[in-house]
Amino acid sequence: MNPVEVVTNRARSVRTAVLRVSLAPLLVRAGIFGTVLVGLLLAYPVQLLIGRPLAALALVALLPAIGPRRVWPTFAALVTVGGWLLATEGYDRPIALWRLLAVAAALYLTHSLCALAALLPYDAVVDPELIVRWLTRAGGVLGASAVFGVLLVQVSAVGGDRGLLALTVVGLLVAVALSALLAWLIRRK
C-alpha cells in the first residue's frame, strides 16, 4: 500500500468512527475532560491561568478524554500534582483542606471515568443506569475518603508540632499490608 492509500484509509476510518459515536461514551469522555480541567484549575496558581498556559492545560485535559487507554490519564494526573507542588512550594499558596480534597476528588473521578471509557467502545449503546451506578459507587468512595481524610487531619493535630511517630508507622504498615493484599488478589486470578 502506498502512503496516499494509507492516509485515505485512515481518513475513512476516522470519518466512520465519528459518524458512529453514541451519546453515552461521548458524555463519559466529556466528564473526563471536565474533571481533569477542574483538577488542573484547582491545582495550579491563579497567576498561571491566563493565556497560553490555560490553553496548554486545556490540551492536557483533552488528551485523556481522547485516549483513556493510553498514557494520557497518568500524564494528566502528574501534571495536576506538579501544579499542586508548584502552587504550594513555588508560589507559597497555603494548603487548604477543601482544595486538597477537591483536587484528590478530581483525580479519582478522572481515573474512574477513564476506566469506564476504556471499557466502552465509542459506538456502544449503554443503559444510563450503568453510568449512574458507576458514578454512585465513585461518589461513595469519594465521600468515605473525604470523611476519613478529615478525621486523619484531626488526629494528626493531636501530636502538636512533633507529630506521632507511632501513627506514622501504623499508617505505613497499613499501606504495605493493603499493597500486599492487592498483589495477592491480582495473582490469585
N, C-alpha and C. Protein backbone atom coordinates (compact mmCIF):
# COMPACT_ATOMS: atom_id res chain seq x y z
N MET A 1 0.83 -1.18 0.00
CA MET A 1 0.00 0.00 0.00
C MET A 1 0.88 1.25 0.00
N ASN A 2 0.54 2.17 -0.85
CA ASN A 2 1.34 3.40 -0.89
C ASN A 2 0.85 4.36 0.19
N PRO A 3 1.64 5.38 0.47
CA PRO A 3 1.28 6.30 1.57
C PRO A 3 -0.04 7.02 1.36
N VAL A 4 -0.41 7.32 0.13
CA VAL A 4 -1.67 8.01 -0.14
C VAL A 4 -2.84 7.12 0.24
N GLU A 5 -2.76 5.84 -0.08
CA GLU A 5 -3.84 4.90 0.28
C GLU A 5 -3.94 4.73 1.79
N VAL A 6 -2.79 4.73 2.45
CA VAL A 6 -2.80 4.60 3.91
C VAL A 6 -3.52 5.79 4.53
N VAL A 7 -3.19 6.99 4.09
CA VAL A 7 -3.82 8.19 4.62
C VAL A 7 -5.31 8.20 4.27
N THR A 8 -5.65 7.81 3.07
CA THR A 8 -7.06 7.78 2.66
C THR A 8 -7.85 6.78 3.49
N ASN A 9 -7.30 5.59 3.70
CA ASN A 9 -7.98 4.58 4.52
C ASN A 9 -8.13 5.06 5.96
N ARG A 10 -7.11 5.71 6.47
CA ARG A 10 -7.18 6.22 7.84
C ARG A 10 -8.25 7.31 7.96
N ALA A 11 -8.32 8.19 6.98
CA ALA A 11 -9.34 9.25 6.99
C ALA A 11 -10.74 8.65 6.91
N ARG A 12 -10.92 7.61 6.10
CA ARG A 12 -12.24 6.95 6.01
C ARG A 12 -12.61 6.31 7.35
N SER A 13 -11.64 5.66 7.98
CA SER A 13 -11.95 5.01 9.26
C SER A 13 -12.28 6.04 10.34
N VAL A 14 -11.60 7.18 10.33
CA VAL A 14 -11.91 8.24 11.30
C VAL A 14 -13.30 8.79 11.02
N ARG A 15 -13.64 9.00 9.76
CA ARG A 15 -14.97 9.51 9.41
C ARG A 15 -16.06 8.53 9.84
N THR A 16 -15.84 7.24 9.60
CA THR A 16 -16.80 6.22 10.02
C THR A 16 -16.95 6.21 11.54
N ALA A 17 -15.83 6.32 12.25
CA ALA A 17 -15.88 6.33 13.71
C ALA A 17 -16.65 7.54 14.23
N VAL A 18 -16.42 8.70 13.65
CA VAL A 18 -17.11 9.91 14.10
C VAL A 18 -18.60 9.80 13.86
N LEU A 19 -18.99 9.21 12.75
CA LEU A 19 -20.42 9.07 12.44
C LEU A 19 -21.11 8.04 13.34
N ARG A 20 -20.36 7.10 13.90
CA ARG A 20 -20.96 6.05 14.72
C ARG A 20 -20.91 6.32 16.22
N VAL A 21 -20.33 7.42 16.64
CA VAL A 21 -20.22 7.72 18.07
C VAL A 21 -21.60 7.84 18.68
N SER A 22 -21.78 7.18 19.83
CA SER A 22 -23.06 7.28 20.54
C SER A 22 -22.92 8.24 21.72
N LEU A 23 -24.05 8.61 22.29
CA LEU A 23 -24.09 9.68 23.29
C LEU A 23 -23.40 9.30 24.61
N ALA A 24 -23.64 8.11 25.13
CA ALA A 24 -23.11 7.75 26.45
C ALA A 24 -21.57 7.77 26.49
N PRO A 25 -20.88 7.11 25.56
CA PRO A 25 -19.41 7.22 25.60
C PRO A 25 -18.91 8.65 25.40
N LEU A 26 -19.63 9.43 24.62
CA LEU A 26 -19.25 10.82 24.41
C LEU A 26 -19.40 11.62 25.71
N LEU A 27 -20.47 11.37 26.45
CA LEU A 27 -20.68 12.06 27.73
C LEU A 27 -19.63 11.64 28.77
N VAL A 28 -19.26 10.37 28.77
CA VAL A 28 -18.23 9.91 29.70
C VAL A 28 -16.91 10.62 29.39
N ARG A 29 -16.59 10.73 28.11
CA ARG A 29 -15.35 11.42 27.73
C ARG A 29 -15.42 12.92 28.02
N ALA A 30 -16.60 13.51 27.89
CA ALA A 30 -16.76 14.91 28.28
C ALA A 30 -16.57 15.06 29.79
N GLY A 31 -17.04 14.07 30.56
CA GLY A 31 -16.81 14.08 32.00
C GLY A 31 -15.34 13.98 32.34
N ILE A 32 -14.59 13.18 31.57
CA ILE A 32 -13.15 13.09 31.79
C ILE A 32 -12.51 14.45 31.57
N PHE A 33 -12.86 15.09 30.45
CA PHE A 33 -12.31 16.41 30.17
C PHE A 33 -12.64 17.39 31.30
N GLY A 34 -13.88 17.37 31.76
CA GLY A 34 -14.30 18.30 32.81
C GLY A 34 -13.58 18.06 34.13
N THR A 35 -13.46 16.81 34.54
CA THR A 35 -12.80 16.54 35.83
C THR A 35 -11.32 16.85 35.78
N VAL A 36 -10.67 16.54 34.65
CA VAL A 36 -9.24 16.88 34.54
C VAL A 36 -9.06 18.39 34.58
N LEU A 37 -9.90 19.11 33.84
CA LEU A 37 -9.77 20.57 33.80
C LEU A 37 -10.04 21.20 35.16
N VAL A 38 -11.04 20.70 35.87
CA VAL A 38 -11.32 21.23 37.22
C VAL A 38 -10.13 20.95 38.14
N GLY A 39 -9.59 19.74 38.07
CA GLY A 39 -8.42 19.42 38.90
C GLY A 39 -7.23 20.31 38.60
N LEU A 40 -6.99 20.56 37.31
CA LEU A 40 -5.88 21.43 36.92
C LEU A 40 -6.11 22.86 37.39
N LEU A 41 -7.33 23.36 37.23
CA LEU A 41 -7.62 24.73 37.64
C LEU A 41 -7.51 24.91 39.15
N LEU A 42 -7.86 23.87 39.91
CA LEU A 42 -7.72 23.95 41.36
C LEU A 42 -6.27 23.80 41.82
N ALA A 43 -5.49 23.03 41.07
CA ALA A 43 -4.12 22.75 41.49
C ALA A 43 -3.16 23.89 41.16
N TYR A 44 -3.30 24.48 40.00
CA TYR A 44 -2.34 25.49 39.56
C TYR A 44 -2.62 26.85 40.20
N PRO A 45 -1.56 27.65 40.37
CA PRO A 45 -1.77 29.01 40.91
C PRO A 45 -2.52 29.87 39.90
N VAL A 46 -3.28 30.79 40.41
CA VAL A 46 -4.12 31.65 39.58
C VAL A 46 -3.27 32.47 38.61
N GLN A 47 -2.06 32.82 39.00
CA GLN A 47 -1.21 33.64 38.15
C GLN A 47 -0.87 32.94 36.83
N LEU A 48 -0.92 31.61 36.80
CA LEU A 48 -0.58 30.86 35.59
C LEU A 48 -1.79 30.49 34.75
N LEU A 49 -2.97 30.93 35.13
CA LEU A 49 -4.18 30.54 34.42
C LEU A 49 -4.65 31.61 33.43
N ILE A 50 -3.71 32.27 32.81
CA ILE A 50 -4.03 33.32 31.85
C ILE A 50 -3.29 33.03 30.55
N GLY A 51 -3.98 33.10 29.43
CA GLY A 51 -3.34 33.00 28.12
C GLY A 51 -2.92 31.59 27.74
N ARG A 52 -1.70 31.49 27.26
CA ARG A 52 -1.19 30.21 26.74
C ARG A 52 -1.14 29.09 27.76
N PRO A 53 -0.75 29.35 29.00
CA PRO A 53 -0.77 28.25 29.97
C PRO A 53 -2.16 27.63 30.13
N LEU A 54 -3.20 28.45 30.07
CA LEU A 54 -4.56 27.92 30.17
C LEU A 54 -4.89 27.05 28.96
N ALA A 55 -4.45 27.45 27.79
CA ALA A 55 -4.66 26.64 26.59
C ALA A 55 -3.90 25.32 26.69
N ALA A 56 -2.69 25.37 27.25
CA ALA A 56 -1.92 24.14 27.43
C ALA A 56 -2.61 23.20 28.42
N LEU A 57 -3.17 23.77 29.48
CA LEU A 57 -3.89 22.95 30.46
C LEU A 57 -5.15 22.36 29.85
N ALA A 58 -5.81 23.11 28.99
CA ALA A 58 -7.00 22.57 28.30
C ALA A 58 -6.60 21.41 27.38
N LEU A 59 -5.45 21.51 26.74
CA LEU A 59 -4.96 20.41 25.91
C LEU A 59 -4.63 19.19 26.77
N VAL A 60 -4.02 19.43 27.93
CA VAL A 60 -3.73 18.33 28.85
C VAL A 60 -5.03 17.66 29.29
N ALA A 61 -6.08 18.43 29.49
CA ALA A 61 -7.38 17.87 29.88
C ALA A 61 -8.04 17.12 28.74
N LEU A 62 -7.76 17.51 27.51
CA LEU A 62 -8.37 16.87 26.36
C LEU A 62 -7.73 15.51 26.05
N LEU A 63 -6.45 15.38 26.30
CA LEU A 63 -5.74 14.15 25.93
C LEU A 63 -6.31 12.88 26.58
N PRO A 64 -6.59 12.86 27.90
CA PRO A 64 -7.17 11.63 28.46
C PRO A 64 -8.58 11.36 27.95
N ALA A 65 -9.32 12.40 27.58
CA ALA A 65 -10.66 12.18 27.04
C ALA A 65 -10.58 11.51 25.67
N ILE A 66 -9.56 11.83 24.92
CA ILE A 66 -9.38 11.22 23.60
C ILE A 66 -8.81 9.81 23.72
N GLY A 67 -7.82 9.62 24.58
CA GLY A 67 -7.18 8.31 24.71
C GLY A 67 -7.14 7.80 26.13
N PRO A 68 -8.28 7.34 26.67
CA PRO A 68 -8.29 6.90 28.07
C PRO A 68 -7.53 5.60 28.32
N ARG A 69 -7.24 4.84 27.28
CA ARG A 69 -6.50 3.58 27.46
C ARG A 69 -4.99 3.78 27.37
N ARG A 70 -4.57 4.93 27.03
CA ARG A 70 -3.16 5.18 26.81
C ARG A 70 -2.53 5.80 28.06
N VAL A 71 -1.42 6.47 27.87
CA VAL A 71 -0.66 7.05 28.97
C VAL A 71 -1.23 8.40 29.41
N TRP A 72 -2.18 8.95 28.69
CA TRP A 72 -2.65 10.31 28.95
C TRP A 72 -3.31 10.51 30.31
N PRO A 73 -4.09 9.58 30.84
CA PRO A 73 -4.62 9.82 32.20
C PRO A 73 -3.51 9.96 33.25
N THR A 74 -2.48 9.15 33.13
CA THR A 74 -1.34 9.25 34.06
C THR A 74 -0.62 10.58 33.86
N PHE A 75 -0.43 10.97 32.61
CA PHE A 75 0.21 12.24 32.31
C PHE A 75 -0.58 13.40 32.91
N ALA A 76 -1.89 13.38 32.74
CA ALA A 76 -2.73 14.46 33.29
C ALA A 76 -2.65 14.49 34.81
N ALA A 77 -2.63 13.32 35.45
CA ALA A 77 -2.51 13.27 36.91
C ALA A 77 -1.17 13.83 37.36
N LEU A 78 -0.10 13.50 36.65
CA LEU A 78 1.21 14.03 37.03
C LEU A 78 1.29 15.54 36.82
N VAL A 79 0.68 16.04 35.75
CA VAL A 79 0.66 17.49 35.53
C VAL A 79 -0.14 18.17 36.63
N THR A 80 -1.23 17.55 37.07
CA THR A 80 -2.04 18.12 38.16
C THR A 80 -1.24 18.16 39.45
N VAL A 81 -0.58 17.07 39.78
CA VAL A 81 0.23 17.03 41.00
C VAL A 81 1.39 18.02 40.90
N GLY A 82 1.98 18.12 39.72
CA GLY A 82 3.04 19.11 39.53
C GLY A 82 2.53 20.53 39.74
N GLY A 83 1.33 20.81 39.28
CA GLY A 83 0.74 22.13 39.52
C GLY A 83 0.50 22.39 40.99
N TRP A 84 0.06 21.35 41.70
CA TRP A 84 -0.15 21.50 43.14
C TRP A 84 1.17 21.81 43.84
N LEU A 85 2.21 21.08 43.49
CA LEU A 85 3.52 21.32 44.10
C LEU A 85 4.06 22.71 43.73
N LEU A 86 3.86 23.11 42.49
CA LEU A 86 4.28 24.44 42.06
C LEU A 86 3.55 25.52 42.84
N ALA A 87 2.26 25.35 43.04
CA ALA A 87 1.48 26.36 43.76
C ALA A 87 1.87 26.44 45.23
N THR A 88 2.10 25.28 45.86
CA THR A 88 2.39 25.30 47.29
C THR A 88 3.85 25.66 47.57
N GLU A 89 4.77 25.17 46.76
CA GLU A 89 6.19 25.43 47.02
C GLU A 89 6.69 26.67 46.29
N GLY A 90 6.32 26.83 45.02
CA GLY A 90 6.83 27.94 44.23
C GLY A 90 6.11 29.25 44.46
N TYR A 91 4.82 29.20 44.73
CA TYR A 91 4.02 30.41 44.91
C TYR A 91 3.55 30.57 46.36
N ASP A 92 4.02 29.73 47.24
CA ASP A 92 3.71 29.79 48.68
C ASP A 92 2.22 29.86 48.97
N ARG A 93 1.43 29.13 48.19
CA ARG A 93 -0.01 29.08 48.48
C ARG A 93 -0.21 28.15 49.67
N PRO A 94 -0.93 28.58 50.69
CA PRO A 94 -1.15 27.71 51.85
C PRO A 94 -2.01 26.50 51.46
N ILE A 95 -1.77 25.41 52.12
CA ILE A 95 -2.51 24.18 51.83
C ILE A 95 -3.86 24.27 52.54
N ALA A 96 -4.91 24.35 51.75
CA ALA A 96 -6.26 24.40 52.29
C ALA A 96 -6.88 23.00 52.15
N LEU A 97 -7.53 22.54 53.19
CA LEU A 97 -8.10 21.20 53.18
C LEU A 97 -9.15 21.05 52.07
N TRP A 98 -9.98 22.05 51.86
CA TRP A 98 -11.02 21.94 50.83
C TRP A 98 -10.41 21.79 49.44
N ARG A 99 -9.33 22.53 49.19
CA ARG A 99 -8.69 22.46 47.87
C ARG A 99 -8.00 21.11 47.69
N LEU A 100 -7.37 20.63 48.74
CA LEU A 100 -6.71 19.33 48.68
C LEU A 100 -7.73 18.22 48.41
N LEU A 101 -8.86 18.25 49.11
CA LEU A 101 -9.90 17.26 48.90
C LEU A 101 -10.51 17.37 47.50
N ALA A 102 -10.68 18.59 47.00
CA ALA A 102 -11.25 18.78 45.67
C ALA A 102 -10.31 18.28 44.58
N VAL A 103 -9.02 18.54 44.71
CA VAL A 103 -8.05 18.05 43.72
C VAL A 103 -7.99 16.53 43.77
N ALA A 104 -7.99 15.96 44.97
CA ALA A 104 -7.98 14.50 45.09
C ALA A 104 -9.25 13.89 44.50
N ALA A 105 -10.38 14.53 44.72
CA ALA A 105 -11.64 14.03 44.14
C ALA A 105 -11.60 14.11 42.62
N ALA A 106 -11.07 15.20 42.07
CA ALA A 106 -10.97 15.32 40.62
C ALA A 106 -10.04 14.25 40.05
N LEU A 107 -8.93 13.98 40.72
CA LEU A 107 -8.02 12.93 40.26
C LEU A 107 -8.69 11.56 40.29
N TYR A 108 -9.43 11.28 41.36
CA TYR A 108 -10.09 9.98 41.46
C TYR A 108 -11.20 9.85 40.42
N LEU A 109 -12.00 10.89 40.25
CA LEU A 109 -13.07 10.84 39.24
C LEU A 109 -12.49 10.69 37.84
N THR A 110 -11.39 11.36 37.57
CA THR A 110 -10.74 11.20 36.27
C THR A 110 -10.31 9.76 36.07
N HIS A 111 -9.68 9.19 37.08
CA HIS A 111 -9.23 7.80 37.00
C HIS A 111 -10.42 6.86 36.78
N SER A 112 -11.48 7.06 37.52
CA SER A 112 -12.64 6.20 37.43
C SER A 112 -13.34 6.35 36.07
N LEU A 113 -13.50 7.57 35.60
CA LEU A 113 -14.15 7.79 34.31
C LEU A 113 -13.28 7.27 33.16
N CYS A 114 -11.97 7.38 33.29
CA CYS A 114 -11.09 6.81 32.25
C CYS A 114 -11.20 5.29 32.21
N ALA A 115 -11.35 4.67 33.37
CA ALA A 115 -11.54 3.22 33.40
C ALA A 115 -12.85 2.84 32.71
N LEU A 116 -13.90 3.60 32.96
CA LEU A 116 -15.18 3.34 32.31
C LEU A 116 -15.09 3.59 30.81
N ALA A 117 -14.47 4.68 30.40
CA ALA A 117 -14.34 4.99 28.97
C ALA A 117 -13.49 3.95 28.25
N ALA A 118 -12.51 3.40 28.94
CA ALA A 118 -11.67 2.37 28.33
C ALA A 118 -12.46 1.09 28.06
N LEU A 119 -13.50 0.86 28.84
CA LEU A 119 -14.33 -0.32 28.64
C LEU A 119 -15.42 -0.12 27.59
N LEU A 120 -15.82 1.12 27.38
CA LEU A 120 -16.92 1.41 26.46
C LEU A 120 -16.39 1.67 25.05
N PRO A 121 -16.83 0.88 24.07
CA PRO A 121 -16.50 1.25 22.69
C PRO A 121 -17.19 2.57 22.35
N TYR A 122 -16.63 3.29 21.42
CA TYR A 122 -17.18 4.61 21.08
C TYR A 122 -18.58 4.54 20.51
N ASP A 123 -18.98 3.38 19.99
CA ASP A 123 -20.32 3.26 19.40
C ASP A 123 -21.24 2.39 20.24
N ALA A 124 -20.93 2.24 21.53
CA ALA A 124 -21.72 1.38 22.41
C ALA A 124 -23.06 2.02 22.75
N VAL A 125 -24.08 1.18 22.82
CA VAL A 125 -25.38 1.61 23.33
C VAL A 125 -25.39 1.20 24.80
N VAL A 126 -25.44 2.20 25.68
CA VAL A 126 -25.26 1.95 27.10
C VAL A 126 -26.52 2.34 27.84
N ASP A 127 -26.93 1.47 28.75
CA ASP A 127 -28.04 1.79 29.63
C ASP A 127 -27.59 2.88 30.59
N PRO A 128 -28.33 3.96 30.73
CA PRO A 128 -27.91 5.05 31.63
C PRO A 128 -27.73 4.59 33.07
N GLU A 129 -28.42 3.52 33.46
CA GLU A 129 -28.28 3.01 34.82
C GLU A 129 -26.85 2.56 35.11
N LEU A 130 -26.16 2.05 34.10
CA LEU A 130 -24.78 1.62 34.28
C LEU A 130 -23.90 2.80 34.68
N ILE A 131 -24.06 3.90 33.99
CA ILE A 131 -23.24 5.08 34.29
C ILE A 131 -23.62 5.67 35.65
N VAL A 132 -24.91 5.67 35.96
CA VAL A 132 -25.36 6.19 37.25
C VAL A 132 -24.80 5.32 38.38
N ARG A 133 -24.84 4.00 38.24
CA ARG A 133 -24.29 3.12 39.27
C ARG A 133 -22.78 3.32 39.41
N TRP A 134 -22.09 3.49 38.28
CA TRP A 134 -20.64 3.70 38.30
C TRP A 134 -20.32 5.00 39.06
N LEU A 135 -21.04 6.05 38.74
CA LEU A 135 -20.79 7.34 39.40
C LEU A 135 -21.23 7.34 40.86
N THR A 136 -22.28 6.59 41.18
CA THR A 136 -22.71 6.48 42.57
C THR A 136 -21.65 5.78 43.41
N ARG A 137 -21.09 4.71 42.85
CA ARG A 137 -20.02 4.00 43.56
C ARG A 137 -18.81 4.92 43.75
N ALA A 138 -18.45 5.66 42.71
CA ALA A 138 -17.32 6.60 42.81
C ALA A 138 -17.62 7.68 43.83
N GLY A 139 -18.86 8.17 43.86
CA GLY A 139 -19.24 9.17 44.86
C GLY A 139 -19.17 8.63 46.27
N GLY A 140 -19.56 7.38 46.47
CA GLY A 140 -19.44 6.76 47.79
C GLY A 140 -18.00 6.65 48.24
N VAL A 141 -17.13 6.26 47.32
CA VAL A 141 -15.70 6.18 47.65
C VAL A 141 -15.16 7.57 47.99
N LEU A 142 -15.56 8.57 47.22
CA LEU A 142 -15.09 9.93 47.49
C LEU A 142 -15.59 10.43 48.84
N GLY A 143 -16.86 10.18 49.14
CA GLY A 143 -17.40 10.62 50.42
C GLY A 143 -16.72 9.96 51.60
N ALA A 144 -16.54 8.64 51.53
CA ALA A 144 -15.88 7.93 52.61
C ALA A 144 -14.42 8.38 52.75
N SER A 145 -13.76 8.60 51.62
CA SER A 145 -12.36 9.05 51.67
C SER A 145 -12.26 10.44 52.28
N ALA A 146 -13.20 11.32 51.93
CA ALA A 146 -13.16 12.68 52.48
C ALA A 146 -13.38 12.66 53.99
N VAL A 147 -14.34 11.87 54.44
CA VAL A 147 -14.59 11.78 55.88
C VAL A 147 -13.38 11.20 56.60
N PHE A 148 -12.82 10.14 56.04
CA PHE A 148 -11.64 9.51 56.64
C PHE A 148 -10.46 10.48 56.63
N GLY A 149 -10.29 11.23 55.55
CA GLY A 149 -9.19 12.18 55.46
C GLY A 149 -9.32 13.30 56.48
N VAL A 150 -10.53 13.82 56.64
CA VAL A 150 -10.73 14.88 57.63
C VAL A 150 -10.47 14.35 59.04
N LEU A 151 -10.91 13.12 59.31
CA LEU A 151 -10.63 12.52 60.62
C LEU A 151 -9.13 12.35 60.85
N LEU A 152 -8.41 11.94 59.81
CA LEU A 152 -6.96 11.79 59.96
C LEU A 152 -6.28 13.14 60.19
N VAL A 153 -6.77 14.19 59.55
CA VAL A 153 -6.21 15.51 59.78
C VAL A 153 -6.44 15.93 61.23
N GLN A 154 -7.63 15.62 61.77
CA GLN A 154 -7.91 15.96 63.16
C GLN A 154 -7.02 15.15 64.11
N VAL A 155 -6.78 13.88 63.79
CA VAL A 155 -5.91 13.05 64.63
C VAL A 155 -4.47 13.55 64.55
N SER A 156 -4.06 14.02 63.40
CA SER A 156 -2.68 14.50 63.26
C SER A 156 -2.44 15.75 64.11
N ALA A 157 -3.48 16.50 64.41
CA ALA A 157 -3.32 17.70 65.24
C ALA A 157 -3.12 17.36 66.72
N VAL A 158 -3.39 16.09 67.10
CA VAL A 158 -3.25 15.69 68.49
C VAL A 158 -1.80 15.74 68.94
N GLY A 159 -0.89 15.40 68.04
CA GLY A 159 0.52 15.33 68.40
C GLY A 159 1.21 16.67 68.49
N GLY A 160 0.56 17.72 68.10
CA GLY A 160 1.20 19.04 68.12
C GLY A 160 2.22 19.16 67.01
N ASP A 161 3.30 19.88 67.29
CA ASP A 161 4.33 20.10 66.27
C ASP A 161 5.22 18.88 66.07
N ARG A 162 5.34 18.04 67.07
CA ARG A 162 6.27 16.91 66.97
C ARG A 162 5.67 15.73 66.21
N GLY A 163 4.35 15.66 66.06
CA GLY A 163 3.72 14.54 65.35
C GLY A 163 3.74 13.28 66.18
N LEU A 164 3.13 12.26 65.68
CA LEU A 164 3.09 10.99 66.38
C LEU A 164 3.77 9.94 65.52
N LEU A 165 4.95 9.53 65.91
CA LEU A 165 5.71 8.56 65.14
C LEU A 165 4.97 7.23 65.07
N ALA A 166 4.32 6.84 66.14
CA ALA A 166 3.60 5.55 66.15
C ALA A 166 2.49 5.54 65.10
N LEU A 167 1.75 6.64 64.97
CA LEU A 167 0.70 6.70 63.96
C LEU A 167 1.27 6.66 62.55
N THR A 168 2.41 7.28 62.35
CA THR A 168 3.06 7.24 61.05
C THR A 168 3.48 5.82 60.69
N VAL A 169 4.04 5.11 61.63
CA VAL A 169 4.47 3.73 61.39
C VAL A 169 3.25 2.84 61.15
N VAL A 170 2.19 3.02 61.91
CA VAL A 170 0.97 2.23 61.70
C VAL A 170 0.39 2.51 60.32
N GLY A 171 0.36 3.76 59.92
CA GLY A 171 -0.13 4.10 58.58
C GLY A 171 0.71 3.47 57.49
N LEU A 172 2.02 3.47 57.66
CA LEU A 172 2.90 2.82 56.69
C LEU A 172 2.65 1.32 56.63
N LEU A 173 2.47 0.70 57.79
CA LEU A 173 2.20 -0.74 57.82
C LEU A 173 0.86 -1.08 57.16
N VAL A 174 -0.14 -0.24 57.36
CA VAL A 174 -1.44 -0.46 56.71
C VAL A 174 -1.30 -0.33 55.20
N ALA A 175 -0.53 0.66 54.74
CA ALA A 175 -0.33 0.84 53.29
C ALA A 175 0.40 -0.37 52.70
N VAL A 176 1.41 -0.87 53.38
CA VAL A 176 2.14 -2.05 52.89
C VAL A 176 1.23 -3.27 52.89
N ALA A 177 0.43 -3.44 53.94
CA ALA A 177 -0.48 -4.59 54.01
C ALA A 177 -1.53 -4.53 52.90
N LEU A 178 -2.08 -3.36 52.64
CA LEU A 178 -3.05 -3.23 51.55
C LEU A 178 -2.41 -3.49 50.19
N SER A 179 -1.19 -3.03 50.00
CA SER A 179 -0.48 -3.30 48.74
C SER A 179 -0.25 -4.79 48.57
N ALA A 180 0.15 -5.46 49.64
CA ALA A 180 0.37 -6.91 49.57
C ALA A 180 -0.93 -7.65 49.30
N LEU A 181 -2.02 -7.21 49.92
CA LEU A 181 -3.32 -7.82 49.68
C LEU A 181 -3.75 -7.66 48.23
N LEU A 182 -3.59 -6.47 47.68
CA LEU A 182 -3.94 -6.24 46.28
C LEU A 182 -3.08 -7.09 45.34
N ALA A 183 -1.79 -7.18 45.63
CA ALA A 183 -0.91 -8.01 44.80
C ALA A 183 -1.33 -9.48 44.87
N TRP A 184 -1.70 -9.94 46.05
CA TRP A 184 -2.15 -11.33 46.20
C TRP A 184 -3.46 -11.57 45.43
N LEU A 185 -4.37 -10.61 45.52
CA LEU A 185 -5.64 -10.75 44.81
C LEU A 185 -5.45 -10.76 43.30
N ILE A 186 -4.51 -9.97 42.80
CA ILE A 186 -4.25 -9.96 41.35
C ILE A 186 -3.63 -11.28 40.92
N ARG A 187 -2.68 -11.81 41.68
CA ARG A 187 -2.05 -13.09 41.32
C ARG A 187 -3.00 -14.25 41.45
N ARG A 188 -3.98 -14.13 42.32
CA ARG A 188 -4.91 -15.24 42.57
C ARG A 188 -5.75 -15.53 41.34
N LYS A 189 -6.06 -14.51 40.56
CA LYS A 189 -6.87 -14.71 39.36
C LYS A 189 -6.05 -15.47 38.37
